[in-house]
Amino acid sequence: MIFVKTFKGYEDKILQLDQAVNDWINRNKADVTDVKTVLSHEEGGGRARSGDLLYTVLYRGEGPIE
């Protein structure tokens, strides 16, 4: 079965988000099938004009991985 795991970070801290995702994959030996990304910005340029970066990891497994 295919499951979804979402990671959230900031566009100005991409390396930290990449590391968190890679650590999760390695720690859980996740059978990743795809990774989707999306970048969103707040209206009005909030948070020092930095947007949220979301990684959605699709993986195959017998159940969800925390």
PDB file of N, CA and C in Angstrom:
ATOM      1  N   MET A   1       0.832  -1.169   0.000  1.00  0.00           N
ATOM      2  CA  MET A   1       0.000   0.000   0.000  1.00  0.00           C
ATOM      3  C   MET A   1       0.887   1.246   0.000  1.00  0.00           C
ATOM      4  N   ILE A   2       0.399   2.320  -0.585  1.00  0.00           N
ATOM      5  CA  ILE A   2       1.146   3.580  -0.626  1.00  0.00           C
ATOM      6  C   ILE A   2       0.679   4.487   0.513  1.00  0.00           C
ATOM      7  N   PHE A   3       1.640   5.092   1.214  1.00  0.00           N
ATOM      8  CA  PHE A   3       1.364   6.008   2.319  1.00  0.00           C
ATOM      9  C   PHE A   3       2.033   7.353   2.045  1.00  0.00           C
ATOM     10  N   VAL A   4       1.635   8.354   2.814  1.00  0.00           N
ATOM     11  CA  VAL A   4       2.126   9.719   2.647  1.00  0.00           C
ATOM     12  C   VAL A   4       2.745  10.197   3.959  1.00  0.00           C
ATOM     13  N   LYS A   5       3.889  10.858   3.871  1.00  0.00           N
ATOM     14  CA  LYS A   5       4.526  11.517   5.012  1.00  0.00           C
ATOM     15  C   LYS A   5       4.867  12.936   4.563  1.00  0.00           C
ATOM     16  N   THR A   6       4.457  13.930   5.345  1.00  0.00           N
ATOM     17  CA  THR A   6       4.685  15.326   4.978  1.00  0.00           C
ATOM     18  C   THR A   6       5.679  15.964   5.940  1.00  0.00           C
ATOM     19  N   PHE A   7       6.607  16.709   5.372  1.00  0.00           N
ATOM     20  CA  PHE A   7       7.610  17.441   6.137  1.00  0.00           C
ATOM     21  C   PHE A   7       7.443  18.914   5.822  1.00  0.00           C
ATOM     22  N   LYS A   8       7.554  19.775   6.845  1.00  0.00           N
ATOM     23  CA  LYS A   8       7.398  21.216   6.642  1.00  0.00           C
ATOM     24  C   LYS A   8       8.645  21.940   7.116  1.00  0.00           C
ATOM     25  N   GLY A   9       9.095  22.893   6.309  1.00  0.00           N
ATOM     26  CA  GLY A   9      10.236  23.723   6.668  1.00  0.00           C
ATOM     27  C   GLY A   9      10.089  25.079   6.020  1.00  0.00           C
ATOM     28  N   TYR A  10      11.167  25.823   5.973  1.00  0.00           N
ATOM     29  CA  TYR A  10      11.161  27.163   5.389  1.00  0.00           C
ATOM     30  C   TYR A  10      12.084  27.198   4.185  1.00  0.00           C
ATOM     31  N   GLU A  11      11.705  27.983   3.194  1.00  0.00           N
ATOM     32  CA  GLU A  11      12.468  28.023   1.944  1.00  0.00           C
ATOM     33  C   GLU A  11      13.898  28.512   2.142  1.00  0.00           C
ATOM     34  N   ASP A  12      14.169  29.254   3.207  1.00  0.00           N
ATOM     35  CA  ASP A  12      15.532  29.718   3.442  1.00  0.00           C
ATOM     36  C   ASP A  12      16.347  28.727   4.283  1.00  0.00           C
ATOM     37  N   LYS A  13      15.759  27.560   4.590  1.00  0.00           N
ATOM     38  CA  LYS A  13      16.449  26.523   5.364  1.00  0.00           C
ATOM     39  C   LYS A  13      16.288  25.173   4.680  1.00  0.00           C
ATOM     40  N   ILE A  14      16.522  25.156   3.378  1.00  0.00           N
ATOM     41  CA  ILE A  14      16.325  23.952   2.575  1.00  0.00           C
ATOM     42  C   ILE A  14      17.218  22.804   3.034  1.00  0.00           C
ATOM     43  N   LEU A  15      18.463  23.095   3.348  1.00  0.00           N
ATOM     44  CA  LEU A  15      19.379  22.029   3.749  1.00  0.00           C
ATOM     45  C   LEU A  15      18.911  21.312   5.004  1.00  0.00           C
ATOM     46  N   GLN A  16      18.336  22.041   5.957  1.00  0.00           N
ATOM     47  CA  GLN A  16      17.828  21.414   7.178  1.00  0.00           C
ATOM     48  C   GLN A  16      16.641  20.501   6.876  1.00  0.00           C
ATOM     49  N   LEU A  17      15.760  20.952   5.986  1.00  0.00           N
ATOM     50  CA  LEU A  17      14.611  20.124   5.614  1.00  0.00           C
ATOM     51  C   LEU A  17      15.061  18.885   4.843  1.00  0.00           C
ATOM     52  N   ASP A  18      15.985  19.073   3.905  1.00  0.00           N
ATOM     53  CA  ASP A  18      16.529  17.925   3.172  1.00  0.00           C
ATOM     54  C   ASP A  18      17.118  16.900   4.142  1.00  0.00           C
ATOM     55  N   GLN A  19      17.877  17.381   5.134  1.00  0.00           N
ATOM     56  CA  GLN A  19      18.505  16.479   6.100  1.00  0.00           C
ATOM     57  C   GLN A  19      17.454  15.719   6.902  1.00  0.00           C
ATOM     58  N   ALA A  20      16.387  16.398   7.326  1.00  0.00           N
ATOM     59  CA  ALA A  20      15.319  15.752   8.093  1.00  0.00           C
ATOM     60  C   ALA A  20      14.646  14.651   7.270  1.00  0.00           C
ATOM     61  N   VAL A  21      14.379  14.943   5.993  1.00  0.00           N
ATOM     62  CA  VAL A  21      13.743  13.953   5.121  1.00  0.00           C
ATOM     63  C   VAL A  21      14.673  12.767   4.898  1.00  0.00           C
ATOM     64  N   ASN A  22      15.927  13.046   4.569  1.00  0.00           N
ATOM     65  CA  ASN A  22      16.890  11.962   4.341  1.00  0.00           C
ATOM     66  C   ASN A  22      17.104  11.113   5.588  1.00  0.00           C
ATOM     67  N   ASP A  23      17.166  11.752   6.755  1.00  0.00           N
ATOM     68  CA  ASP A  23      17.323  11.008   8.011  1.00  0.00           C
ATOM     69  C   ASP A  23      16.137  10.080   8.238  1.00  0.00           C
ATOM     70  N   TRP A  24      14.909  10.595   7.995  1.00  0.00           N
ATOM     71  CA  TRP A  24      13.706   9.791   8.181  1.00  0.00           C
ATOM     72  C   TRP A  24      13.719   8.579   7.240  1.00  0.00           C
ATOM     73  N   ILE A  25      14.068   8.818   5.973  1.00  0.00           N
ATOM     74  CA  ILE A  25      14.123   7.729   4.988  1.00  0.00           C
ATOM     75  C   ILE A  25      15.130   6.672   5.420  1.00  0.00           C
ATOM     76  N   ASN A  26      16.342   7.103   5.794  1.00  0.00           N
ATOM     77  CA  ASN A  26      17.391   6.158   6.198  1.00  0.00           C
ATOM     78  C   ASN A  26      17.045   5.426   7.486  1.00  0.00           C
ATOM     79  N   ARG A  27      16.533   6.142   8.471  1.00  0.00           N
ATOM     80  CA  ARG A  27      16.202   5.546   9.770  1.00  0.00           C
ATOM     81  C   ARG A  27      15.123   4.474   9.631  1.00  0.00           C
ATOM     82  N   ASN A  28      14.151   4.724   8.750  1.00  0.00           N
ATOM     83  CA  ASN A  28      13.020   3.806   8.598  1.00  0.00           C
ATOM     84  C   ASN A  28      13.142   2.871   7.403  1.00  0.00           C
ATOM     85  N   LYS A  29      14.242   3.015   6.654  1.00  0.00           N
ATOM     86  CA  LYS A  29      14.438   2.208   5.446  1.00  0.00           C
ATOM     87  C   LYS A  29      13.190   2.242   4.574  1.00  0.00           C
ATOM     88  N   ALA A  30      12.645   3.471   4.425  1.00  0.00           N
ATOM     89  CA  ALA A  30      11.399   3.670   3.683  1.00  0.00           C
ATOM     90  C   ALA A  30      11.600   3.373   2.199  1.00  0.00           C
ATOM     91  N   ASP A  31      10.637   2.688   1.618  1.00  0.00           N
ATOM     92  CA  ASP A  31      10.628   2.367   0.193  1.00  0.00           C
ATOM     93  C   ASP A  31       9.916   3.516  -0.532  1.00  0.00           C
ATOM     94  N   VAL A  32      10.650   4.599  -0.770  1.00  0.00           N
ATOM     95  CA  VAL A  32      10.090   5.835  -1.340  1.00  0.00           C
ATOM     96  C   VAL A  32       9.766   5.628  -2.814  1.00  0.00           C
ATOM     97  N   THR A  33       8.558   6.034  -3.200  1.00  0.00           N
ATOM     98  CA  THR A  33       8.150   5.934  -4.597  1.00  0.00           C
ATOM     99  C   THR A  33       8.140   7.286  -5.289  1.00  0.00           C
ATOM    100  N   ASP A  34       7.991   8.377  -4.517  1.00  0.00           N
ATOM    101  CA  ASP A  34       7.956   9.715  -5.117  1.00  0.00           C
ATOM    102  C   ASP A  34       8.081  10.764  -4.022  1.00  0.00           C
ATOM    103  N   VAL A  35       8.557  11.941  -4.412  1.00  0.00           N
ATOM    104  CA  VAL A  35       8.615  13.092  -3.512  1.00  0.00           C
ATOM    105  C   VAL A  35       8.048  14.285  -4.272  1.00  0.00           C
ATOM    106  N   LYS A  36       7.090  14.960  -3.649  1.00  0.00           N
ATOM    107  CA  LYS A  36       6.491  16.167  -4.231  1.00  0.00           C
ATOM    108  C   LYS A  36       6.866  17.343  -3.345  1.00  0.00           C
ATOM    109  N   THR A  37       7.061  18.500  -3.942  1.00  0.00           N
ATOM    110  CA  THR A  37       7.362  19.700  -3.163  1.00  0.00           C
ATOM    111  C   THR A  37       6.399  20.813  -3.534  1.00  0.00           C
ATOM    112  N   VAL A  38       6.183  21.684  -2.566  1.00  0.00           N
ATOM    113  CA  VAL A  38       5.347  22.854  -2.801  1.00  0.00           C
ATOM    114  C   VAL A  38       5.889  23.993  -1.948  1.00  0.00           C
ATOM    115  N   LEU A  39       5.850  25.181  -2.481  1.00  0.00           N
ATOM    116  CA  LEU A  39       6.319  26.377  -1.790  1.00  0.00           C
ATOM    117  C   LEU A  39       5.149  27.338  -1.693  1.00  0.00           C
ATOM    118  N   SER A  40       4.891  27.843  -0.489  1.00  0.00           N
ATOM    119  CA  SER A  40       3.807  28.805  -0.332  1.00  0.00           C
ATOM    120  C   SER A  40       4.323  30.049   0.380  1.00  0.00           C
ATOM    121  N   HIS A  41       3.809  31.176  -0.011  1.00  0.00           N
ATOM    122  CA  HIS A  41       4.149  32.451   0.620  1.00  0.00           C
ATOM    123  C   HIS A  41       2.902  33.034   1.253  1.00  0.00           C
ATOM    124  N   GLU A  42       3.081  33.667   2.400  1.00  0.00           N
ATOM    125  CA  GLU A  42       1.966  34.338   3.052  1.00  0.00           C
ATOM    126  C   GLU A  42       1.640  35.620   2.303  1.00  0.00           C
ATOM    127  N   GLU A  43       0.372  35.956   2.291  1.00  0.00           N
ATOM    128  CA  GLU A  43      -0.039  37.240   1.722  1.00  0.00           C
ATOM    129  C   GLU A  43       0.563  38.356   2.573  1.00  0.00           C
ATOM    130  N   GLY A  44       1.030  39.399   1.933  1.00  0.00           N
ATOM    131  CA  GLY A  44       1.573  40.536   2.667  1.00  0.00           C
ATOM    132  C   GLY A  44       3.030  40.396   3.047  1.00  0.00           C
ATOM    133  N   GLY A  45       3.687  39.332   2.619  1.00  0.00           N
ATOM    134  CA  GLY A  45       5.132  39.187   2.857  1.00  0.00           C
ATOM    135  C   GLY A  45       5.502  38.943   4.306  1.00  0.00           C
ATOM    136  N   GLY A  46       4.738  38.142   5.029  1.00  0.00           N
ATOM    137  CA  GLY A  46       5.034  37.845   6.427  1.00  0.00           C
ATOM    138  C   GLY A  46       6.324  37.070   6.605  1.00  0.00           C
ATOM    139  N   ARG A  47       6.742  36.916   7.851  1.00  0.00           N
ATOM    140  CA  ARG A  47       7.938  36.149   8.244  1.00  0.00           C
ATOM    141  C   ARG A  47       9.151  36.457   7.392  1.00  0.00           C
ATOM    142  N   ALA A  48       9.491  37.713   7.311  1.00  0.00           N
ATOM    143  CA  ALA A  48      10.705  38.136   6.583  1.00  0.00           C
ATOM    144  C   ALA A  48      10.709  37.644   5.144  1.00  0.00           C
ATOM    145  N   ARG A  49       9.540  37.606   4.541  1.00  0.00           N
ATOM    146  CA  ARG A  49       9.378  37.232   3.137  1.00  0.00           C
ATOM    147  C   ARG A  49       9.838  35.802   2.829  1.00  0.00           C
ATOM    148  N   SER A  50       9.835  34.959   3.831  1.00  0.00           N
ATOM    149  CA  SER A  50      10.198  33.560   3.644  1.00  0.00           C
ATOM    150  C   SER A  50       8.935  32.719   3.581  1.00  0.00           C
ATOM    151  N   GLY A  51       8.910  31.744   2.692  1.00  0.00           N
ATOM    152  CA  GLY A  51       7.728  30.906   2.545  1.00  0.00           C
ATOM    153  C   GLY A  51       7.907  29.539   3.170  1.00  0.00           C
ATOM    154  N   ASP A  52       6.789  28.853   3.338  1.00  0.00           N
ATOM    155  CA  ASP A  52       6.800  27.478   3.829  1.00  0.00           C
ATOM    156  C   ASP A  52       7.130  26.547   2.675  1.00  0.00           C
ATOM    157  N   LEU A  53       7.967  25.583   2.956  1.00  0.00           N
ATOM    158  CA  LEU A  53       8.336  24.570   1.984  1.00  0.00           C
ATOM    159  C   LEU A  53       7.832  23.232   2.513  1.00  0.00           C
ATOM    160  N   LEU A  54       7.027  22.541   1.712  1.00  0.00           N
ATOM    161  CA  LEU A  54       6.482  21.246   2.103  1.00  0.00           C
ATOM    162  C   LEU A  54       7.023  20.168   1.181  1.00  0.00           C
ATOM    163  N   TYR A  55       7.479  19.066   1.791  1.00  0.00           N
ATOM    164  CA  TYR A  55       7.873  17.882   1.042  1.00  0.00           C
ATOM    165  C   TYR A  55       6.844  16.807   1.378  1.00  0.00           C
ATOM    166  N   THR A  56       6.245  16.232   0.381  1.00  0.00           N
ATOM    167  CA  THR A  56       5.339  15.110   0.569  1.00  0.00           C
ATOM    168  C   THR A  56       6.017  13.882  -0.002  1.00  0.00           C
ATOM    169  N   VAL A  57       6.307  12.938   0.878  1.00  0.00           N
ATOM    170  CA  VAL A  57       7.003  11.717   0.500  1.00  0.00           C
ATOM    171  C   VAL A  57       5.969  10.599   0.377  1.00  0.00           C
ATOM    172  N   LEU A  58       5.923   9.967  -0.776  1.00  0.00           N
ATOM    173  CA  LEU A  58       5.063   8.806  -0.979  1.00  0.00           C
ATOM    174  C   LEU A  58       5.945   7.567  -0.826  1.00  0.00           C
ATOM    175  N   TYR A  59       5.470   6.633  -0.024  1.00  0.00           N
ATOM    176  CA  TYR A  59       6.274   5.426   0.226  1.00  0.00           C
ATOM    177  C   TYR A  59       5.385   4.193   0.314  1.00  0.00           C
ATOM    178  N   ARG A  60       5.970   3.075   0.013  1.00  0.00           N
ATOM    179  CA  ARG A  60       5.280   1.787   0.025  1.00  0.00           C
ATOM    180  C   ARG A  60       5.541   1.125   1.380  1.00  0.00           C
ATOM    181  N   GLY A  61       4.495   0.553   1.973  1.00  0.00           N
ATOM    182  CA  GLY A  61       4.685  -0.129   3.239  1.00  0.00           C
ATOM    183  C   GLY A  61       3.464  -0.895   3.674  1.00  0.00           C
ATOM    184  N   GLU A  62       3.595  -1.564   4.795  1.00  0.00           N
ATOM    185  CA  GLU A  62       2.489  -2.338   5.374  1.00  0.00           C
ATOM    186  C   GLU A  62       1.611  -1.467   6.253  1.00  0.00           C
ATOM    187  N   GLY A  63       2.138  -0.304   6.639  1.00  0.00           N
ATOM    188  CA  GLY A  63       1.403   0.631   7.478  1.00  0.00           C
ATOM    189  C   GLY A  63       2.157   1.945   7.534  1.00  0.00           C
ATOM    190  N   PRO A  64       1.522   2.974   8.095  1.00  0.00           N
ATOM    191  CA  PRO A  64       2.195   4.276   8.177  1.00  0.00           C
ATOM    192  C   PRO A  64       3.408   4.235   9.101  1.00  0.00           C
ATOM    193  N   ILE A  65       4.405   5.020   8.753  1.00  0.00           N
ATOM    194  CA  ILE A  65       5.621   5.158   9.573  1.00  0.00           C
ATOM    195  C   ILE A  65       5.560   6.516  10.254  1.00  0.00           C
ATOM    196  N   GLU A  66       5.761   6.522  11.568  1.00  0.00           N
ATOM    197  CA  GLU A  66       5.748   7.796  12.321  1.00  0.00           C
ATOM    198  C   GLU A  66       6.988   8.590  12.080  1.00  0.00           C
TER     199      GLU A  66
END
